[in-house]
C-alpha cells in the first residue's frame, strides 16, 4: 500500500474505481467501501 511504497500520506482508494458518492467497489459478488486515509478506512 502507498504508505509503504514511498508516500508520506495517502487519501484515496485501492481498487480500479469506486462510486463517486459512496466510495464503493464491487467485484464477483463482493462489494465494500474503499476510501482510506493512510492505512485506515476513512468512513
ModelCIF file with pLDDT and N, C-alpha, C, O atoms, coordinates in Angstrom:
data_MODEL
#
_entry.id   MODEL 
#
_entity.id                         1 
_entity.type                       polymer 
_entity.pdbx_number_of_molecules   1 
#
_entity_poly.entity_id                      1 
_entity_poly.type                           'polypeptide(L)' 
_entity_poly.nstd_linkage                   no 
_entity_poly.nstd_monomer                   no 
_entity_poly.pdbx_seq_one_letter_code       
;(UNK)(UNK)(UNK)(UNK)(UNK)(UNK)(UNK)(UNK)(UNK)(UNK)(UNK)(UNK)(UNK)(UNK)(UNK)(UNK)
(UNK)(UNK)(UNK)(UNK)(UNK)(UNK)(UNK)(UNK)(UNK)(UNK)(UNK)(UNK)(UNK)(UNK)(UNK)(UNK)
(UNK)(UNK)(UNK)(UNK)(UNK)(UNK)(UNK)(UNK)(UNK)(UNK)(UNK)
;
_entity_poly.pdbx_seq_one_letter_code_can   XXXXXXXXXXXXXXXXXXXXXXXXXXXXXXXXXXXXXXXXXXX 
_entity_poly.pdbx_strand_id                 A 
#
loop_
_entity_poly_seq.entity_id 
_entity_poly_seq.num 
_entity_poly_seq.mon_id 
_entity_poly_seq.hetero 
1 1  UNK n 
1 2  UNK n 
1 3  UNK n 
1 4  UNK n 
1 5  UNK n 
1 6  UNK n 
1 7  UNK n 
1 8  UNK n 
1 9  UNK n 
1 10 UNK n 
1 11 UNK n 
1 12 UNK n 
1 13 UNK n 
1 14 UNK n 
1 15 UNK n 
1 16 UNK n 
1 17 UNK n 
1 18 UNK n 
1 19 UNK n 
1 20 UNK n 
1 21 UNK n 
1 22 UNK n 
1 23 UNK n 
1 24 UNK n 
1 25 UNK n 
1 26 UNK n 
1 27 UNK n 
1 28 UNK n 
1 29 UNK n 
1 30 UNK n 
1 31 UNK n 
1 32 UNK n 
1 33 UNK n 
1 34 UNK n 
1 35 UNK n 
1 36 UNK n 
1 37 UNK n 
1 38 UNK n 
1 39 UNK n 
1 40 UNK n 
1 41 UNK n 
1 42 UNK n 
1 43 UNK n 
#
_struct_asym.id          A 
_struct_asym.entity_id   1 
#
loop_
_ma_qa_metric.id 
_ma_qa_metric.mode 
_ma_qa_metric.name 
_ma_qa_metric.software_group_id 
_ma_qa_metric.type 
1 global pLDDT . pLDDT 
2 local  pLDDT . pLDDT 
#
_ma_qa_metric_global.metric_id      1 
_ma_qa_metric_global.metric_value   97.12 
_ma_qa_metric_global.model_id       1 
_ma_qa_metric_global.ordinal_id     1 
#
loop_
_ma_qa_metric_local.label_asym_id 
_ma_qa_metric_local.label_comp_id 
_ma_qa_metric_local.label_seq_id 
_ma_qa_metric_local.metric_id 
_ma_qa_metric_local.metric_value 
_ma_qa_metric_local.model_id 
_ma_qa_metric_local.ordinal_id 
A UNK 1  2 98.00 1 1  
A UNK 2  2 98.00 1 2  
A UNK 3  2 98.00 1 3  
A UNK 4  2 98.00 1 4  
A UNK 5  2 98.00 1 5  
A UNK 6  2 98.00 1 6  
A UNK 7  2 98.00 1 7  
A UNK 8  2 98.00 1 8  
A UNK 9  2 98.00 1 9  
A UNK 10 2 98.00 1 10 
A UNK 11 2 98.00 1 11 
A UNK 12 2 98.00 1 12 
A UNK 13 2 98.00 1 13 
A UNK 14 2 98.00 1 14 
A UNK 15 2 98.00 1 15 
A UNK 16 2 98.00 1 16 
A UNK 17 2 98.00 1 17 
A UNK 18 2 98.00 1 18 
A UNK 19 2 98.00 1 19 
A UNK 20 2 98.00 1 20 
A UNK 21 2 97.00 1 21 
A UNK 22 2 96.00 1 22 
A UNK 23 2 97.00 1 23 
A UNK 24 2 97.00 1 24 
A UNK 25 2 98.00 1 25 
A UNK 26 2 97.00 1 26 
A UNK 27 2 94.00 1 27 
A UNK 28 2 90.00 1 28 
A UNK 29 2 93.00 1 29 
A UNK 30 2 97.00 1 30 
A UNK 31 2 97.00 1 31 
A UNK 32 2 98.00 1 32 
A UNK 33 2 97.00 1 33 
A UNK 34 2 98.00 1 34 
A UNK 35 2 98.00 1 35 
A UNK 36 2 98.00 1 36 
A UNK 37 2 98.00 1 37 
A UNK 38 2 97.00 1 38 
A UNK 39 2 96.00 1 39 
A UNK 40 2 97.00 1 40 
A UNK 41 2 97.00 1 41 
A UNK 42 2 96.00 1 42 
A UNK 43 2 93.00 1 43 
#
loop_
_atom_site.group_PDB 
_atom_site.id 
_atom_site.type_symbol 
_atom_site.label_atom_id 
_atom_site.label_alt_id 
_atom_site.label_comp_id 
_atom_site.label_asym_id 
_atom_site.label_entity_id 
_atom_site.label_seq_id 
_atom_site.pdbx_PDB_ins_code 
_atom_site.Cartn_x 
_atom_site.Cartn_y 
_atom_site.Cartn_z 
_atom_site.occupancy 
_atom_site.B_iso_or_equiv 
_atom_site.pdbx_formal_charge 
_atom_site.auth_seq_id 
_atom_site.auth_comp_id 
_atom_site.auth_asym_id 
_atom_site.auth_atom_id 
_atom_site.pdbx_PDB_model_num 
ATOM 1   N N  . UNK A 1 1  ? 0.825   -1.204  0.000   1.00 98.00 ? 1  UNK A N  1 
ATOM 2   C CA . UNK A 1 1  ? 0.000   0.000   0.000   1.00 98.00 ? 1  UNK A CA 1 
ATOM 3   C C  . UNK A 1 1  ? 0.867   1.266   0.000   1.00 98.00 ? 1  UNK A C  1 
ATOM 4   O O  . UNK A 1 1  ? 2.055   1.193   0.313   1.00 98.00 ? 1  UNK A O  1 
ATOM 5   N N  . UNK A 1 2  ? 0.287   2.430   -0.349  1.00 98.00 ? 2  UNK A N  1 
ATOM 6   C CA . UNK A 1 2  ? 1.088   3.636   -0.606  1.00 98.00 ? 2  UNK A CA 1 
ATOM 7   C C  . UNK A 1 2  ? 2.039   4.072   0.494   1.00 98.00 ? 2  UNK A C  1 
ATOM 8   O O  . UNK A 1 2  ? 3.162   4.480   0.200   1.00 98.00 ? 2  UNK A O  1 
ATOM 9   N N  . UNK A 1 3  ? 1.619   3.996   1.765   1.00 98.00 ? 3  UNK A N  1 
ATOM 10  C CA . UNK A 1 3  ? 2.500   4.467   2.838   1.00 98.00 ? 3  UNK A CA 1 
ATOM 11  C C  . UNK A 1 3  ? 3.744   3.602   2.985   1.00 98.00 ? 3  UNK A C  1 
ATOM 12  O O  . UNK A 1 3  ? 4.713   4.008   3.626   1.00 98.00 ? 3  UNK A O  1 
ATOM 13  N N  . UNK A 1 4  ? 3.718   2.417   2.396   1.00 98.00 ? 4  UNK A N  1 
ATOM 14  C CA . UNK A 1 4  ? 4.864   1.516   2.462   1.00 98.00 ? 4  UNK A CA 1 
ATOM 15  C C  . UNK A 1 4  ? 5.635   1.491   1.144   1.00 98.00 ? 4  UNK A C  1 
ATOM 16  O O  . UNK A 1 4  ? 6.568   0.706   0.977   1.00 98.00 ? 4  UNK A O  1 
ATOM 17  N N  . UNK A 1 5  ? 5.238   2.357   0.209   1.00 98.00 ? 5  UNK A N  1 
ATOM 18  C CA . UNK A 1 5  ? 5.898   2.434   -1.095  1.00 98.00 ? 5  UNK A CA 1 
ATOM 19  C C  . UNK A 1 5  ? 6.439   3.829   -1.374  1.00 98.00 ? 5  UNK A C  1 
ATOM 20  O O  . UNK A 1 5  ? 6.613   4.202   -2.534  1.00 98.00 ? 5  UNK A O  1 
ATOM 21  N N  . UNK A 1 6  ? 6.706   4.601   -0.332  1.00 98.00 ? 6  UNK A N  1 
ATOM 22  C CA . UNK A 1 6  ? 7.372   5.878   -0.526  1.00 98.00 ? 6  UNK A CA 1 
ATOM 23  C C  . UNK A 1 6  ? 6.527   7.112   -0.327  1.00 98.00 ? 6  UNK A C  1 
ATOM 24  O O  . UNK A 1 6  ? 7.048   8.224   -0.414  1.00 98.00 ? 6  UNK A O  1 
ATOM 25  N N  . UNK A 1 7  ? 5.239   6.962   -0.063  1.00 98.00 ? 7  UNK A N  1 
ATOM 26  C CA . UNK A 1 7  ? 4.389   8.135   0.157   1.00 98.00 ? 7  UNK A CA 1 
ATOM 27  C C  . UNK A 1 7  ? 4.253   8.425   1.642   1.00 98.00 ? 7  UNK A C  1 
ATOM 28  O O  . UNK A 1 7  ? 4.076   7.515   2.452   1.00 98.00 ? 7  UNK A O  1 
ATOM 29  N N  . UNK A 1 8  ? 4.337   9.703   1.987   1.00 98.00 ? 8  UNK A N  1 
ATOM 30  C CA . UNK A 1 8  ? 4.207   10.123  3.384   1.00 98.00 ? 8  UNK A CA 1 
ATOM 31  C C  . UNK A 1 8  ? 2.750   10.126  3.829   1.00 98.00 ? 8  UNK A C  1 
ATOM 32  O O  . UNK A 1 8  ? 2.449   9.792   4.975   1.00 98.00 ? 8  UNK A O  1 
ATOM 33  N N  . UNK A 1 9  ? 1.841   10.505  2.923   1.00 98.00 ? 9  UNK A N  1 
ATOM 34  C CA . UNK A 1 9  ? 0.417   10.499  3.250   1.00 98.00 ? 9  UNK A CA 1 
ATOM 35  C C  . UNK A 1 9  ? -0.363  9.962   2.052   1.00 98.00 ? 9  UNK A C  1 
ATOM 36  O O  . UNK A 1 9  ? 0.116   9.972   0.918   1.00 98.00 ? 9  UNK A O  1 
ATOM 37  N N  . UNK A 1 10 ? -1.581  9.493   2.338   1.00 98.00 ? 10 UNK A N  1 
ATOM 38  C CA . UNK A 1 10 ? -2.442  8.944   1.296   1.00 98.00 ? 10 UNK A CA 1 
ATOM 39  C C  . UNK A 1 10 ? -3.891  9.148   1.675   1.00 98.00 ? 10 UNK A C  1 
ATOM 40  O O  . UNK A 1 10 ? -4.302  8.816   2.787   1.00 98.00 ? 10 UNK A O  1 
ATOM 41  N N  . UNK A 1 11 ? -4.672  9.696   0.748   1.00 98.00 ? 11 UNK A N  1 
ATOM 42  C CA . UNK A 1 11 ? -6.128  9.689   0.851   1.00 98.00 ? 11 UNK A CA 1 
ATOM 43  C C  . UNK A 1 11 ? -6.644  9.200   -0.493  1.00 98.00 ? 11 UNK A C  1 
ATOM 44  O O  . UNK A 1 11 ? -6.459  9.866   -1.511  1.00 98.00 ? 11 UNK A O  1 
ATOM 45  N N  . UNK A 1 12 ? -7.291  8.039   -0.501  1.00 98.00 ? 12 UNK A N  1 
ATOM 46  C CA . UNK A 1 12 ? -7.759  7.536   -1.777  1.00 98.00 ? 12 UNK A CA 1 
ATOM 47  C C  . UNK A 1 12 ? -8.254  6.109   -1.683  1.00 98.00 ? 12 UNK A C  1 
ATOM 48  O O  . UNK A 1 12 ? -8.614  5.628   -0.608  1.00 98.00 ? 12 UNK A O  1 
ATOM 49  N N  . UNK A 1 13 ? -8.266  5.430   -2.840  1.00 98.00 ? 13 UNK A N  1 
ATOM 50  C CA . UNK A 1 13 ? -8.831  4.087   -2.922  1.00 98.00 ? 13 UNK A CA 1 
ATOM 51  C C  . UNK A 1 13 ? -7.831  3.130   -3.547  1.00 98.00 ? 13 UNK A C  1 
ATOM 52  O O  . UNK A 1 13 ? -6.974  3.525   -4.337  1.00 98.00 ? 13 UNK A O  1 
ATOM 53  N N  . UNK A 1 14 ? -7.961  1.870   -3.177  1.00 98.00 ? 14 UNK A N  1 
ATOM 54  C CA . UNK A 1 14 ? -7.007  0.849   -3.597  1.00 98.00 ? 14 UNK A CA 1 
ATOM 55  C C  . UNK A 1 14 ? -7.337  0.232   -4.957  1.00 98.00 ? 14 UNK A C  1 
ATOM 56  O O  . UNK A 1 14 ? -6.431  -0.141  -5.702  1.00 98.00 ? 14 UNK A O  1 
ATOM 57  N N  . UNK A 1 15 ? -8.623  0.123   -5.284  1.00 98.00 ? 15 UNK A N  1 
ATOM 58  C CA . UNK A 1 15 ? -9.044  -0.642  -6.450  1.00 98.00 ? 15 UNK A CA 1 
ATOM 59  C C  . UNK A 1 15 ? -9.066  0.197   -7.728  1.00 98.00 ? 15 UNK A C  1 
ATOM 60  O O  . UNK A 1 15 ? -8.623  1.346   -7.737  1.00 98.00 ? 15 UNK A O  1 
ATOM 61  N N  . UNK A 1 16 ? -9.588  -0.394  -8.809  1.00 98.00 ? 16 UNK A N  1 
ATOM 62  C CA . UNK A 1 16 ? -9.562  0.276   -10.105 1.00 98.00 ? 16 UNK A CA 1 
ATOM 63  C C  . UNK A 1 16 ? -10.482 1.489   -10.159 1.00 98.00 ? 16 UNK A C  1 
ATOM 64  O O  . UNK A 1 16 ? -10.208 2.437   -10.895 1.00 98.00 ? 16 UNK A O  1 
ATOM 65  N N  . UNK A 1 17 ? -11.558 1.475   -9.398  1.00 98.00 ? 17 UNK A N  1 
ATOM 66  C CA . UNK A 1 17 ? -12.511 2.577   -9.389  1.00 98.00 ? 17 UNK A CA 1 
ATOM 67  C C  . UNK A 1 17 ? -13.432 2.398   -8.193  1.00 98.00 ? 17 UNK A C  1 
ATOM 68  O O  . UNK A 1 17 ? -13.447 1.349   -7.551  1.00 98.00 ? 17 UNK A O  1 
ATOM 69  N N  . UNK A 1 18 ? -14.196 3.437   -7.910  1.00 98.00 ? 18 UNK A N  1 
ATOM 70  C CA . UNK A 1 18 ? -15.217 3.410   -6.872  1.00 98.00 ? 18 UNK A CA 1 
ATOM 71  C C  . UNK A 1 18 ? -16.396 4.246   -7.373  1.00 98.00 ? 18 UNK A C  1 
ATOM 72  O O  . UNK A 1 18 ? -16.277 4.936   -8.385  1.00 98.00 ? 18 UNK A O  1 
ATOM 73  N N  . UNK A 1 19 ? -17.513 4.191   -6.685  1.00 98.00 ? 19 UNK A N  1 
ATOM 74  C CA . UNK A 1 19 ? -18.607 5.115   -6.993  1.00 98.00 ? 19 UNK A CA 1 
ATOM 75  C C  . UNK A 1 19 ? -18.236 6.491   -6.437  1.00 98.00 ? 19 UNK A C  1 
ATOM 76  O O  . UNK A 1 19 ? -17.514 6.593   -5.446  1.00 98.00 ? 19 UNK A O  1 
ATOM 77  N N  . UNK A 1 20 ? -18.737 7.545   -7.084  1.00 98.00 ? 20 UNK A N  1 
ATOM 78  C CA . UNK A 1 20 ? -18.279 8.903   -6.798  1.00 98.00 ? 20 UNK A CA 1 
ATOM 79  C C  . UNK A 1 20 ? -18.808 9.476   -5.495  1.00 98.00 ? 20 UNK A C  1 
ATOM 80  O O  . UNK A 1 20 ? -18.234 10.421  -4.953  1.00 98.00 ? 20 UNK A O  1 
ATOM 81  N N  . UNK A 1 21 ? -19.908 8.907   -4.980  1.00 97.00 ? 21 UNK A N  1 
ATOM 82  C CA . UNK A 1 21 ? -20.508 9.470   -3.775  1.00 97.00 ? 21 UNK A CA 1 
ATOM 83  C C  . UNK A 1 21 ? -20.407 8.575   -2.548  1.00 97.00 ? 21 UNK A C  1 
ATOM 84  O O  . UNK A 1 21 ? -20.229 9.081   -1.440  1.00 97.00 ? 21 UNK A O  1 
ATOM 85  N N  . UNK A 1 22 ? -20.516 7.264   -2.713  1.00 96.00 ? 22 UNK A N  1 
ATOM 86  C CA . UNK A 1 22 ? -20.444 6.409   -1.522  1.00 96.00 ? 22 UNK A CA 1 
ATOM 87  C C  . UNK A 1 22 ? -19.170 5.572   -1.484  1.00 96.00 ? 22 UNK A C  1 
ATOM 88  O O  . UNK A 1 22 ? -18.978 4.788   -0.554  1.00 96.00 ? 22 UNK A O  1 
ATOM 89  N N  . UNK A 1 23 ? -18.290 5.726   -2.489  1.00 97.00 ? 23 UNK A N  1 
ATOM 90  C CA . UNK A 1 23 ? -16.941 5.158   -2.490  1.00 97.00 ? 23 UNK A CA 1 
ATOM 91  C C  . UNK A 1 23 ? -16.925 3.636   -2.363  1.00 97.00 ? 23 UNK A C  1 
ATOM 92  O O  . UNK A 1 23 ? -16.100 3.073   -1.642  1.00 97.00 ? 23 UNK A O  1 
ATOM 93  N N  . UNK A 1 24 ? -17.841 2.978   -3.066  1.00 97.00 ? 24 UNK A N  1 
ATOM 94  C CA . UNK A 1 24 ? -17.921 1.521   -3.026  1.00 97.00 ? 24 UNK A CA 1 
ATOM 95  C C  . UNK A 1 24 ? -17.371 0.912   -4.310  1.00 97.00 ? 24 UNK A C  1 
ATOM 96  O O  . UNK A 1 24 ? -17.475 1.491   -5.391  1.00 97.00 ? 24 UNK A O  1 
ATOM 97  N N  . UNK A 1 25 ? -16.783 -0.274  -4.161  1.00 98.00 ? 25 UNK A N  1 
ATOM 98  C CA . UNK A 1 25 ? -16.267 -1.045  -5.288  1.00 98.00 ? 25 UNK A CA 1 
ATOM 99  C C  . UNK A 1 25 ? -16.822 -2.459  -5.195  1.00 98.00 ? 25 UNK A C  1 
ATOM 100 O O  . UNK A 1 25 ? -16.908 -3.029  -4.107  1.00 98.00 ? 25 UNK A O  1 
ATOM 101 N N  . UNK A 1 26 ? -17.203 -3.031  -6.354  1.00 97.00 ? 26 UNK A N  1 
ATOM 102 C CA . UNK A 1 26 ? -17.767 -4.379  -6.380  1.00 97.00 ? 26 UNK A CA 1 
ATOM 103 C C  . UNK A 1 26 ? -17.020 -5.243  -7.381  1.00 97.00 ? 26 UNK A C  1 
ATOM 104 O O  . UNK A 1 26 ? -16.629 -4.782  -8.453  1.00 97.00 ? 26 UNK A O  1 
ATOM 105 N N  . UNK A 1 27 ? -16.827 -6.517  -7.011  1.00 94.00 ? 27 UNK A N  1 
ATOM 106 C CA . UNK A 1 27 ? -16.175 -7.475  -7.898  1.00 94.00 ? 27 UNK A CA 1 
ATOM 107 C C  . UNK A 1 27 ? -16.593 -8.885  -7.506  1.00 94.00 ? 27 UNK A C  1 
ATOM 108 O O  . UNK A 1 27 ? -16.411 -9.290  -6.358  1.00 94.00 ? 27 UNK A O  1 
ATOM 109 N N  . UNK A 1 28 ? -17.150 -9.634  -8.450  1.00 90.00 ? 28 UNK A N  1 
ATOM 110 C CA . UNK A 1 28 ? -17.510 -11.041 -8.257  1.00 90.00 ? 28 UNK A CA 1 
ATOM 111 C C  . UNK A 1 28 ? -18.305 -11.276 -6.964  1.00 90.00 ? 28 UNK A C  1 
ATOM 112 O O  . UNK A 1 28 ? -17.898 -12.057 -6.104  1.00 90.00 ? 28 UNK A O  1 
ATOM 113 N N  . UNK A 1 29 ? -19.417 -10.603 -6.851  1.00 93.00 ? 29 UNK A N  1 
ATOM 114 C CA . UNK A 1 29 ? -20.321 -10.760 -5.703  1.00 93.00 ? 29 UNK A CA 1 
ATOM 115 C C  . UNK A 1 29 ? -19.711 -10.283 -4.392  1.00 93.00 ? 29 UNK A C  1 
ATOM 116 O O  . UNK A 1 29 ? -20.248 -10.561 -3.320  1.00 93.00 ? 29 UNK A O  1 
ATOM 117 N N  . UNK A 1 30 ? -18.610 -9.578  -4.467  1.00 97.00 ? 30 UNK A N  1 
ATOM 118 C CA . UNK A 1 30 ? -18.039 -8.949  -3.273  1.00 97.00 ? 30 UNK A CA 1 
ATOM 119 C C  . UNK A 1 30 ? -18.159 -7.442  -3.450  1.00 97.00 ? 30 UNK A C  1 
ATOM 120 O O  . UNK A 1 30 ? -17.839 -6.913  -4.514  1.00 97.00 ? 30 UNK A O  1 
ATOM 121 N N  . UNK A 1 31 ? -18.605 -6.768  -2.441  1.00 97.00 ? 31 UNK A N  1 
ATOM 122 C CA . UNK A 1 31 ? -18.789 -5.329  -2.524  1.00 97.00 ? 31 UNK A CA 1 
ATOM 123 C C  . UNK A 1 31 ? -18.441 -4.689  -1.190  1.00 97.00 ? 31 UNK A C  1 
ATOM 124 O O  . UNK A 1 31 ? -18.737 -5.245  -0.132  1.00 97.00 ? 31 UNK A O  1 
ATOM 125 N N  . UNK A 1 32 ? -17.821 -3.533  -1.239  1.00 98.00 ? 32 UNK A N  1 
ATOM 126 C CA . UNK A 1 32 ? -17.468 -2.880  0.014   1.00 98.00 ? 32 UNK A CA 1 
ATOM 127 C C  . UNK A 1 32 ? -16.942 -1.472  -0.188  1.00 98.00 ? 32 UNK A C  1 
ATOM 128 O O  . UNK A 1 32 ? -16.733 -1.013  -1.311  1.00 98.00 ? 32 UNK A O  1 
ATOM 129 N N  . UNK A 1 33 ? -16.740 -0.817  0.912   1.00 97.00 ? 33 UNK A N  1 
ATOM 130 C CA . UNK A 1 33 ? -16.246 0.560   0.971   1.00 97.00 ? 33 UNK A CA 1 
ATOM 131 C C  . UNK A 1 33 ? -14.756 0.581   0.665   1.00 97.00 ? 33 UNK A C  1 
ATOM 132 O O  . UNK A 1 33 ? -14.011 -0.275  1.141   1.00 97.00 ? 33 UNK A O  1 
ATOM 133 N N  . UNK A 1 34 ? -14.316 1.560   -0.131  1.00 98.00 ? 34 UNK A N  1 
ATOM 134 C CA . UNK A 1 34 ? -12.900 1.657   -0.474  1.00 98.00 ? 34 UNK A CA 1 
ATOM 135 C C  . UNK A 1 34 ? -12.467 3.113   -0.502  1.00 98.00 ? 34 UNK A C  1 
ATOM 136 O O  . UNK A 1 34 ? -12.284 3.699   -1.569  1.00 98.00 ? 34 UNK A O  1 
ATOM 137 N N  . UNK A 1 35 ? -12.306 3.686   0.676   1.00 98.00 ? 35 UNK A N  1 
ATOM 138 C CA . UNK A 1 35 ? -11.689 5.008   0.818   1.00 98.00 ? 35 UNK A CA 1 
ATOM 139 C C  . UNK A 1 35 ? -10.842 4.956   2.074   1.00 98.00 ? 35 UNK A C  1 
ATOM 140 O O  . UNK A 1 35 ? -11.308 4.565   3.144   1.00 98.00 ? 35 UNK A O  1 
ATOM 141 N N  . UNK A 1 36 ? -9.585  5.359   1.923   1.00 98.00 ? 36 UNK A N  1 
ATOM 142 C CA . UNK A 1 36 ? -8.631  5.200   3.023   1.00 98.00 ? 36 UNK A CA 1 
ATOM 143 C C  . UNK A 1 36 ? -7.852  6.490   3.244   1.00 98.00 ? 36 UNK A C  1 
ATOM 144 O O  . UNK A 1 36 ? -7.501  7.196   2.299   1.00 98.00 ? 36 UNK A O  1 
ATOM 145 N N  . UNK A 1 37 ? -7.594  6.775   4.500   1.00 98.00 ? 37 UNK A N  1 
ATOM 146 C CA . UNK A 1 37 ? -6.656  7.840   4.869   1.00 98.00 ? 37 UNK A CA 1 
ATOM 147 C C  . UNK A 1 37 ? -5.496  7.157   5.572   1.00 98.00 ? 37 UNK A C  1 
ATOM 148 O O  . UNK A 1 37 ? -5.650  6.594   6.656   1.00 98.00 ? 37 UNK A O  1 
ATOM 149 N N  . UNK A 1 38 ? -4.324  7.217   4.931   1.00 97.00 ? 38 UNK A N  1 
ATOM 150 C CA . UNK A 1 38 ? -3.205  6.446   5.444   1.00 97.00 ? 38 UNK A CA 1 
ATOM 151 C C  . UNK A 1 38 ? -3.507  4.969   5.303   1.00 97.00 ? 38 UNK A C  1 
ATOM 152 O O  . UNK A 1 38 ? -3.914  4.510   4.236   1.00 97.00 ? 38 UNK A O  1 
ATOM 153 N N  . UNK A 1 39 ? -3.310  4.223   6.382   1.00 96.00 ? 39 UNK A N  1 
ATOM 154 C CA . UNK A 1 39 ? -3.584  2.787   6.378   1.00 96.00 ? 39 UNK A CA 1 
ATOM 155 C C  . UNK A 1 39 ? -4.991  2.443   6.841   1.00 96.00 ? 39 UNK A C  1 
ATOM 156 O O  . UNK A 1 39 ? -5.363  1.270   6.867   1.00 96.00 ? 39 UNK A O  1 
ATOM 157 N N  . UNK A 1 40 ? -5.778  3.451   7.208   1.00 97.00 ? 40 UNK A N  1 
ATOM 158 C CA . UNK A 1 40 ? -7.066  3.193   7.848   1.00 97.00 ? 40 UNK A CA 1 
ATOM 159 C C  . UNK A 1 40 ? -8.239  3.585   6.949   1.00 97.00 ? 40 UNK A C  1 
ATOM 160 O O  . UNK A 1 40 ? -8.127  4.514   6.150   1.00 97.00 ? 40 UNK A O  1 
ATOM 161 N N  . UNK A 1 41 ? -9.365  2.875   7.078   1.00 97.00 ? 41 UNK A N  1 
ATOM 162 C CA . UNK A 1 41 ? -10.569 3.279   6.343   1.00 97.00 ? 41 UNK A CA 1 
ATOM 163 C C  . UNK A 1 41 ? -11.004 4.678   6.759   1.00 97.00 ? 41 UNK A C  1 
ATOM 164 O O  . UNK A 1 41 ? -10.900 5.053   7.927   1.00 97.00 ? 41 UNK A O  1 
ATOM 165 N N  . UNK A 1 42 ? -11.495 5.447   5.783   1.00 96.00 ? 42 UNK A N  1 
ATOM 166 C CA . UNK A 1 42 ? -11.934 6.825   6.058   1.00 96.00 ? 42 UNK A CA 1 
ATOM 167 C C  . UNK A 1 42 ? -13.460 6.866   6.010   1.00 96.00 ? 42 UNK A C  1 
ATOM 168 O O  . UNK A 1 42 ? -14.053 7.419   5.084   1.00 96.00 ? 42 UNK A O  1 
ATOM 169 N N  . UNK A 1 43 ? -14.078 6.271   7.024   1.00 93.00 ? 43 UNK A N  1 
ATOM 170 C CA . UNK A 1 43 ? -15.530 6.089   6.990   1.00 93.00 ? 43 UNK A CA 1 
ATOM 171 C C  . UNK A 1 43 ? -16.306 7.382   7.212   1.00 93.00 ? 43 UNK A C  1 
ATOM 172 O O  . UNK A 1 43 ? -17.537 7.372   7.208   1.00 93.00 ? 43 UNK A O  1 
#
